[in-house]
PDB file of N, CA and C in Angstrom:
ATOM      1  N   MET A   1     -13.497  15.767  -1.946  1.00  0.00           N
ATOM      2  CA  MET A   1     -12.892  15.455  -2.738  1.00  0.00           C
ATOM      3  C   MET A   1     -11.694  14.571  -1.664  1.00  0.00           C
ATOM      4  N   SER A   2     -11.165  15.989  -1.467  1.00  0.00           N
ATOM      5  CA  SER A   2      -9.966  15.644  -0.718  1.00  0.00           C
ATOM      6  C   SER A   2     -10.314  14.885   0.751  1.00  0.00           C
ATOM      7  N   GLU A   3     -11.218  14.632   1.348  1.00  0.00           N
ATOM      8  CA  GLU A   3     -10.990  14.019   2.083  1.00  0.00           C
ATOM      9  C   GLU A   3     -11.728  12.286   1.853  1.00  0.00           C
ATOM     10  N   GLU A   4     -12.249  12.449   0.838  1.00  0.00           N
ATOM     11  CA  GLU A   4     -12.711  11.115  -0.319  1.00  0.00           C
ATOM     12  C   GLU A   4     -10.612  10.282   0.081  1.00  0.00           C
ATOM     13  N   ALA A   5     -10.108  11.721  -0.863  1.00  0.00           N
ATOM     14  CA  ALA A   5      -8.926  10.483  -1.642  1.00  0.00           C
ATOM     15  C   ALA A   5      -8.246  10.428  -0.487  1.00  0.00           C
ATOM     16  N   LYS A   6      -8.042  11.222   1.009  1.00  0.00           N
ATOM     17  CA  LYS A   6      -7.272  11.119   1.717  1.00  0.00           C
ATOM     18  C   LYS A   6      -7.655   9.483   2.195  1.00  0.00           C
ATOM     19  N   GLN A   7      -8.694   9.057   3.075  1.00  0.00           N
ATOM     20  CA  GLN A   7      -9.868   8.299   2.990  1.00  0.00           C
ATOM     21  C   GLN A   7      -9.777   6.319   2.001  1.00  0.00           C
ATOM     22  N   ALA A   8      -9.078   7.328   1.337  1.00  0.00           N
ATOM     23  CA  ALA A   8      -8.860   5.881  -0.422  1.00  0.00           C
ATOM     24  C   ALA A   8      -7.223   5.621   0.050  1.00  0.00           C
ATOM     25  N   ILE A   9      -6.767   6.527  -0.412  1.00  0.00           N
ATOM     26  CA  ILE A   9      -5.730   6.330   0.799  1.00  0.00           C
ATOM     27  C   ILE A   9      -4.872   5.965   1.265  1.00  0.00           C
ATOM     28  N   ILE A  10      -5.234   6.056   3.026  1.00  0.00           N
ATOM     29  CA  ILE A  10      -5.237   4.541   4.190  1.00  0.00           C
ATOM     30  C   ILE A  10      -6.082   3.725   3.779  1.00  0.00           C
ATOM     31  N   ASP A  11      -7.342   3.598   3.481  1.00  0.00           N
ATOM     32  CA  ASP A  11      -7.638   2.297   3.254  1.00  0.00           C
ATOM     33  C   ASP A  11      -6.317   1.467   1.970  1.00  0.00           C
ATOM     34  N   PHE A  12      -6.813   1.417   1.083  1.00  0.00           N
ATOM     35  CA  PHE A  12      -5.248   1.062   0.323  1.00  0.00           C
ATOM     36  C   PHE A  12      -3.925   0.372   0.537  1.00  0.00           C
ATOM     37  N   MET A  13      -3.815   1.171   1.888  1.00  0.00           N
ATOM     38  CA  MET A  13      -2.245   0.985   2.565  1.00  0.00           C
ATOM     39  C   MET A  13      -2.858  -0.161   3.390  1.00  0.00           C
ATOM     40  N   LYS A  14      -3.929   0.203   4.097  1.00  0.00           N
ATOM     41  CA  LYS A  14      -4.484  -0.536   5.582  1.00  0.00           C
ATOM     42  C   LYS A  14      -4.960  -1.775   5.148  1.00  0.00           C
ATOM     43  N   LYS A  15      -5.369  -2.229   3.373  1.00  0.00           N
ATOM     44  CA  LYS A  15      -5.652  -3.442   3.293  1.00  0.00           C
ATOM     45  C   LYS A  15      -5.019  -4.032   2.699  1.00  0.00           C
ATOM     46  N   LYS A  16      -3.335  -4.163   2.746  1.00  0.00           N
ATOM     47  CA  LYS A  16      -1.985  -5.043   2.160  1.00  0.00           C
ATOM     48  C   LYS A  16      -1.963  -5.761   3.672  1.00  0.00           C
ATOM     49  N   LYS A  17      -2.260  -6.191   4.292  1.00  0.00           N
ATOM     50  CA  LYS A  17      -1.632  -6.452   5.401  1.00  0.00           C
ATOM     51  C   LYS A  17      -0.055  -7.157   5.634  1.00  0.00           C
ATOM     52  N   ARG A  18       0.435  -7.661   4.369  1.00  0.00           N
ATOM     53  CA  ARG A  18       2.398  -7.745   4.193  1.00  0.00           C
ATOM     54  C   ARG A  18       2.868  -6.804   3.728  1.00  0.00           C
ATOM     55  N   LYS A  19       2.333  -5.832   3.295  1.00  0.00           N
ATOM     56  CA  LYS A  19       3.601  -4.993   3.046  1.00  0.00           C
ATOM     57  C   LYS A  19       2.962  -3.699   4.144  1.00  0.00           C
ATOM     58  N   THR A  20       4.273  -2.851   4.309  1.00  0.00           N
ATOM     59  CA  THR A  20       3.984  -1.430   5.458  1.00  0.00           C
ATOM     60  C   THR A  20       4.597  -0.339   4.526  1.00  0.00           C
ATOM     61  N   LYS A  21       5.303  -0.553   3.131  1.00  0.00           N
ATOM     62  CA  LYS A  21       6.023   0.374   2.889  1.00  0.00           C
ATOM     63  C   LYS A  21       5.607   0.771   0.978  1.00  0.00           C
ATOM     64  N   TYR A  22       5.049   2.098   0.515  1.00  0.00           N
ATOM     65  CA  TYR A  22       4.893   2.439  -0.595  1.00  0.00           C
ATOM     66  C   TYR A  22       5.736   3.078  -1.410  1.00  0.00           C
ATOM     67  N   TYR A  23       5.525   3.435  -2.518  1.00  0.00           N
ATOM     68  CA  TYR A  23       6.079   4.218  -3.478  1.00  0.00           C
ATOM     69  C   TYR A  23       4.544   5.172  -3.453  1.00  0.00           C
ATOM     70  N   PHE A  24       5.705   5.576  -4.424  1.00  0.00           N
ATOM     71  CA  PHE A  24       4.613   7.198  -4.740  1.00  0.00           C
ATOM     72  C   PHE A  24       3.540   7.010  -5.696  1.00  0.00           C
ATOM     73  N   ASN A  25       3.967   5.989  -6.326  1.00  0.00           N
ATOM     74  CA  ASN A  25       3.278   5.679  -7.653  1.00  0.00           C
ATOM     75  C   ASN A  25       2.486   4.349  -7.238  1.00  0.00           C
ATOM     76  N   GLU A  26       2.528   3.386  -6.559  1.00  0.00           N
ATOM     77  CA  GLU A  26       1.827   2.880  -5.648  1.00  0.00           C
ATOM     78  C   GLU A  26       0.498   3.518  -5.252  1.00  0.00           C
ATOM     79  N   LEU A  27       0.424   4.495  -4.186  1.00  0.00           N
ATOM     80  CA  LEU A  27      -0.420   5.458  -3.906  1.00  0.00           C
ATOM     81  C   LEU A  27      -1.221   6.396  -4.812  1.00  0.00           C
ATOM     82  N   CYS A  28      -0.587   5.945  -6.100  1.00  0.00           N
ATOM     83  CA  CYS A  28      -1.875   7.383  -7.027  1.00  0.00           C
ATOM     84  C   CYS A  28      -2.928   5.883  -8.051  1.00  0.00           C
ATOM     85  N   LYS A  29      -2.312   4.616  -7.467  1.00  0.00           N
ATOM     86  CA  LYS A  29      -2.936   3.875  -7.858  1.00  0.00           C
ATOM     87  C   LYS A  29      -4.963   3.698  -6.798  1.00  0.00           C
ATOM     88  N   ALA A  30      -3.738   4.222  -5.414  1.00  0.00           N
ATOM     89  CA  ALA A  30      -5.915   4.197  -4.483  1.00  0.00           C
ATOM     90  C   ALA A  30      -6.459   5.337  -5.398  1.00  0.00           C
ATOM     91  N   VAL A  31      -5.902   6.526  -5.695  1.00  0.00           N
ATOM     92  CA  VAL A  31      -6.863   7.605  -6.455  1.00  0.00           C
ATOM     93  C   VAL A  31      -6.592   7.822  -7.757  1.00  0.00           C
ATOM     94  N   PRO A  32      -6.782   6.812  -8.572  1.00  0.00           N
ATOM     95  CA  PRO A  32      -7.075   7.074  -9.729  1.00  0.00           C
ATOM     96  C   PRO A  32      -7.573   8.236 -10.407  1.00  0.00           C
ATOM     97  N   ASP A  33      -8.854   9.060  -9.766  1.00  0.00           N
ATOM     98  CA  ASP A  33      -9.254   9.587 -11.010  1.00  0.00           C
ATOM     99  C   ASP A  33      -8.572  10.712 -10.187  1.00  0.00           C
ATOM    100  N   LEU A  34      -7.333  11.318  -9.537  1.00  0.00           N
ATOM    101  CA  LEU A  34      -6.416  11.992  -9.372  1.00  0.00           C
ATOM    102  C   LEU A  34      -5.385  12.080 -10.437  1.00  0.00           C
ATOM    103  N   LYS A  35      -5.085  13.104 -11.001  1.00  0.00           N
ATOM    104  CA  LYS A  35      -3.981  13.656 -11.247  1.00  0.00           C
ATOM    105  C   LYS A  35      -2.516  13.435 -10.589  1.00  0.00           C
ATOM    106  N   MET A  36      -2.266  13.288 -11.240  1.00  0.00           N
ATOM    107  CA  MET A  36       0.000  12.813  -9.560  1.00  0.00           C
ATOM    108  C   MET A  36       0.235  13.755  -9.353  1.00  0.00           C
ATOM    109  N   ARG A  37       0.063  15.374  -9.552  1.00  0.00           N
ATOM    110  CA  ARG A  37       0.462  16.445  -8.904  1.00  0.00           C
ATOM    111  C   ARG A  37      -0.851  16.388  -7.772  1.00  0.00           C
ATOM    112  N   ALA A  38      -2.794  15.824  -7.355  1.00  0.00           N
ATOM    113  CA  ALA A  38      -3.062  16.404  -7.143  1.00  0.00           C
ATOM    114  C   ALA A  38      -2.764  15.763  -6.424  1.00  0.00           C
ATOM    115  N   ALA A  39      -2.222  14.697  -6.509  1.00  0.00           N
ATOM    116  CA  ALA A  39      -1.911  13.229  -5.191  1.00  0.00           C
ATOM    117  C   ALA A  39      -0.941  13.611  -4.499  1.00  0.00           C
ATOM    118  N   LYS A  40       0.767  14.239  -5.193  1.00  0.00           N
ATOM    119  CA  LYS A  40       1.445  14.488  -4.208  1.00  0.00           C
ATOM    120  C   LYS A  40       0.967  15.439  -3.687  1.00  0.00           C
ATOM    121  N   LYS A  41      -0.182  16.355  -4.086  1.00  0.00           N
ATOM    122  CA  LYS A  41      -0.227  17.451  -2.924  1.00  0.00           C
ATOM    123  C   LYS A  41      -0.728  16.499  -1.591  1.00  0.00           C
ATOM    124  N   ILE A  42      -2.167  15.791  -1.622  1.00  0.00           N
ATOM    125  CA  ILE A  42      -2.837  15.002  -0.412  1.00  0.00           C
ATOM    126  C   ILE A  42      -1.917  14.464   0.369  1.00  0.00           C
ATOM    127  N   ILE A  43      -1.212  13.488  -0.773  1.00  0.00           N
ATOM    128  CA  ILE A  43      -0.466  13.028  -0.014  1.00  0.00           C
ATOM    129  C   ILE A  43       0.877  13.727   1.040  1.00  0.00           C
ATOM    130  N   ASN A  44       1.285  14.387   0.294  1.00  0.00           N
ATOM    131  CA  ASN A  44       2.110  15.663   0.794  1.00  0.00           C
ATOM    132  C   ASN A  44       1.579  16.295   2.418  1.00  0.00           C
ATOM    133  N   GLU A  45      -0.278  17.031   2.002  1.00  0.00           N
ATOM    134  CA  GLU A  45      -0.438  17.454   2.512  1.00  0.00           C
ATOM    135  C   GLU A  45      -0.619  15.976   4.154  1.00  0.00           C
ATOM    136  N   MET A  46      -1.087  14.901   3.645  1.00  0.00           N
ATOM    137  CA  MET A  46      -1.610  13.845   5.084  1.00  0.00           C
ATOM    138  C   MET A  46       0.123  13.514   6.011  1.00  0.00           C
ATOM    139  N   VAL A  47       1.289  13.627   5.620  1.00  0.00           N
ATOM    140  CA  VAL A  47       2.554  13.139   5.966  1.00  0.00           C
ATOM    141  C   VAL A  47       2.687  15.156   7.121  1.00  0.00           C
ATOM    142  N   ASN A  48       2.386  16.166   6.425  1.00  0.00           N
ATOM    143  CA  ASN A  48       2.602  16.960   7.114  1.00  0.00           C
ATOM    144  C   ASN A  48       1.278  16.663   8.314  1.00  0.00           C
ATOM    145  N   ASN A  49       0.717  16.133   8.163  1.00  0.00           N
ATOM    146  CA  ASN A  49      -0.395  16.525   8.929  1.00  0.00           C
ATOM    147  C   ASN A  49      -0.543  15.198  10.408  1.00  0.00           C
ATOM    148  N   GLY A  50       0.282  14.563   9.359  1.00  0.00           N
ATOM    149  CA  GLY A  50       0.553  13.257  10.757  1.00  0.00           C
ATOM    150  C   GLY A  50      -0.176  11.789  10.402  1.00  0.00           C
ATOM    151  N   GLN A  51      -0.116  11.519   9.534  1.00  0.00           N
ATOM    152  CA  GLN A  51      -1.337  10.029   9.184  1.00  0.00           C
ATOM    153  C   GLN A  51      -1.023   9.473   8.155  1.00  0.00           C
ATOM    154  N   LEU A  52       0.374   9.971   6.958  1.00  0.00           N
ATOM    155  CA  LEU A  52       1.718   9.416   7.252  1.00  0.00           C
ATOM    156  C   LEU A  52       2.962   9.793   7.020  1.00  0.00           C
ATOM    157  N   LYS A  53       3.469   8.731   6.914  1.00  0.00           N
ATOM    158  CA  LYS A  53       5.632   9.553   7.568  1.00  0.00           C
ATOM    159  C   LYS A  53       6.369   8.483   6.715  1.00  0.00           C
ATOM    160  N   TYR A  54       6.898   9.979   6.344  1.00  0.00           N
ATOM    161  CA  TYR A  54       8.125   9.362   5.251  1.00  0.00           C
ATOM    162  C   TYR A  54       9.239   7.841   5.661  1.00  0.00           C
ATOM    163  N   TRP A  55       9.571   7.592   4.977  1.00  0.00           N
ATOM    164  CA  TRP A  55      11.012   6.340   5.106  1.00  0.00           C
ATOM    165  C   TRP A  55      11.773   6.665   3.624  1.00  0.00           C
ATOM    166  N   SER A  56      12.794   6.792   4.333  1.00  0.00           N
ATOM    167  CA  SER A  56      14.210   6.891   3.286  1.00  0.00           C
ATOM    168  C   SER A  56      15.472   5.861   3.304  1.00  0.00           C
ATOM    169  N   SER A  57      16.049   5.017   1.894  1.00  0.00           N
ATOM    170  CA  SER A  57      16.985   4.279   2.176  1.00  0.00           C
ATOM    171  C   SER A  57      18.244   5.207   1.627  1.00  0.00           C
ATOM    172  N   GLY A  58      17.403   6.504   1.560  1.00  0.00           N
ATOM    173  CA  GLY A  58      19.001   7.475   0.909  1.00  0.00           C
ATOM    174  C   GLY A  58      18.710   7.767  -0.501  1.00  0.00           C
ATOM    175  N   SER A  59      18.353   6.651  -1.275  1.00  0.00           N
ATOM    176  CA  SER A  59      17.923   7.347  -2.917  1.00  0.00           C
ATOM    177  C   SER A  59      16.558   7.008  -3.216  1.00  0.00           C
ATOM    178  N   THR A  60      15.514   6.342  -1.976  1.00  0.00           N
ATOM    179  CA  THR A  60      14.766   6.855  -2.497  1.00  0.00           C
ATOM    180  C   THR A  60      13.734   6.993  -0.820  1.00  0.00           C
ATOM    181  N   THR A  61      12.509   7.271  -1.381  1.00  0.00           N
ATOM    182  CA  THR A  61      11.726   7.599  -0.286  1.00  0.00           C
ATOM    183  C   THR A  61      10.254   6.784  -0.651  1.00  0.00           C
ATOM    184  N   LEU A  62       9.869   6.216   0.036  1.00  0.00           N
ATOM    185  CA  LEU A  62       8.798   5.989   0.246  1.00  0.00           C
ATOM    186  C   LEU A  62       7.557   6.456   1.157  1.00  0.00           C
ATOM    187  N   TYR A  63       6.067   5.920   1.688  1.00  0.00           N
ATOM    188  CA  TYR A  63       5.487   6.333   2.796  1.00  0.00           C
ATOM    189  C   TYR A  63       5.049   5.060   3.422  1.00  0.00           C
ATOM    190  N   LEU A  64       4.767   5.432   4.575  1.00  0.00           N
ATOM    191  CA  LEU A  64       3.981   4.432   5.308  1.00  0.00           C
ATOM    192  C   LEU A  64       3.083   5.352   6.966  1.00  0.00           C
ATOM    193  N   LEU A  65       2.079   4.113   7.172  1.00  0.00           N
ATOM    194  CA  LEU A  65       1.575   4.502   7.925  1.00  0.00           C
ATOM    195  C   LEU A  65       2.418   5.217   9.260  1.00  0.00           C
ATOM    196  N   PRO A  66       1.771   5.932  10.266  1.00  0.00           N
ATOM    197  CA  PRO A  66       2.089   6.480  11.500  1.00  0.00           C
ATOM    198  C   PRO A  66       2.350   4.622  12.499  1.00  0.00           C
ATOM    199  N   GLU A  67       1.618   4.280  12.392  1.00  0.00           N
ATOM    200  CA  GLU A  67       1.456   2.746  13.096  1.00  0.00           C
ATOM    201  C   GLU A  67       2.478   1.770  13.028  1.00  0.00           C
ATOM    202  N   ALA A  68       2.798   1.687  11.190  1.00  0.00           N
ATOM    203  CA  ALA A  68       3.894   0.884  10.546  1.00  0.00           C
ATOM    204  C   ALA A  68       5.243   1.049  10.679  1.00  0.00           C
ATOM    205  N   ALA A  69       5.416   2.364  10.326  1.00  0.00           N
ATOM    206  CA  ALA A  69       6.664   2.886  11.793  1.00  0.00           C
ATOM    207  C   ALA A  69       6.864   2.934  12.585  1.00  0.00           C
ATOM    208  N   GLU A  70       6.263   2.935  14.336  1.00  0.00           N
ATOM    209  CA  GLU A  70       5.995   2.592  14.768  1.00  0.00           C
ATOM    210  C   GLU A  70       6.801   0.852  15.566  1.00  0.00           C
ATOM    211  N   ALA A  71       6.095  -0.326  14.283  1.00  0.00           N
ATOM    212  CA  ALA A  71       6.722  -1.052  14.410  1.00  0.00           C
ATOM    213  C   ALA A  71       7.678  -1.467  13.861  1.00  0.00           C
ATOM    214  N   ASP A  72       8.141  -1.412  12.554  1.00  0.00           N
ATOM    215  CA  ASP A  72       9.121  -1.162  12.284  1.00  0.00           C
ATOM    216  C   ASP A  72      10.287  -0.678  13.543  1.00  0.00           C
ATOM    217  N   LEU A  73       9.770   0.281  13.441  1.00  0.00           N
ATOM    218  CA  LEU A  73      10.890   0.711  15.129  1.00  0.00           C
ATOM    219  C   LEU A  73      11.504  -0.353  16.410  1.00  0.00           C
ATOM    220  N   GLU A  74      10.384  -1.320  16.503  1.00  0.00           N
ATOM    221  CA  GLU A  74      10.577  -1.919  17.605  1.00  0.00           C
ATOM    222  C   GLU A  74      11.020  -3.217  17.213  1.00  0.00           C
ATOM    223  N   LYS A  75      10.658  -3.337  15.962  1.00  0.00           N
ATOM    224  CA  LYS A  75      11.345  -4.748  15.462  1.00  0.00           C
ATOM    225  C   LYS A  75      12.995  -4.161  15.114  1.00  0.00           C
ATOM    226  N   GLU A  76      13.176  -3.370  14.900  1.00  0.00           N
ATOM    227  CA  GLU A  76      14.478  -2.519  15.269  1.00  0.00           C
ATOM    228  C   GLU A  76      15.374  -3.377  16.208  1.00  0.00           C
ATOM    229  N   GLU A  77      14.785  -2.523  17.213  1.00  0.00           N
ATOM    230  CA  GLU A  77      14.746  -1.861  18.490  1.00  0.00           C
ATOM    231  C   GLU A  77      15.001  -4.135  19.692  1.00  0.00           C
ATOM    232  N   GLY A  78      14.268  -4.443  18.738  1.00  0.00           N
ATOM    233  CA  GLY A  78      13.970  -6.460  19.184  1.00  0.00           C
ATOM    234  C   GLY A  78      14.963  -7.208  18.721  1.00  0.00           C
TER     235      GLY A  78
END
């Protein structure tokens, strides 16, 4: 189930072209059959494995795909 859940989260994030950053609660919608604690473990594992990255505004933490993080950096530099 863990690999299926990870793929569901990645697919959910790639499906929305205009949006790159997601709140934890939004990612939980990608795996509605999991409880929030199980989803949190999977998302943290994905961050540790490099499949997702954190983005923080200082008060809020969001998640994004690594390629979206690189695109954000390019926009800031250019």
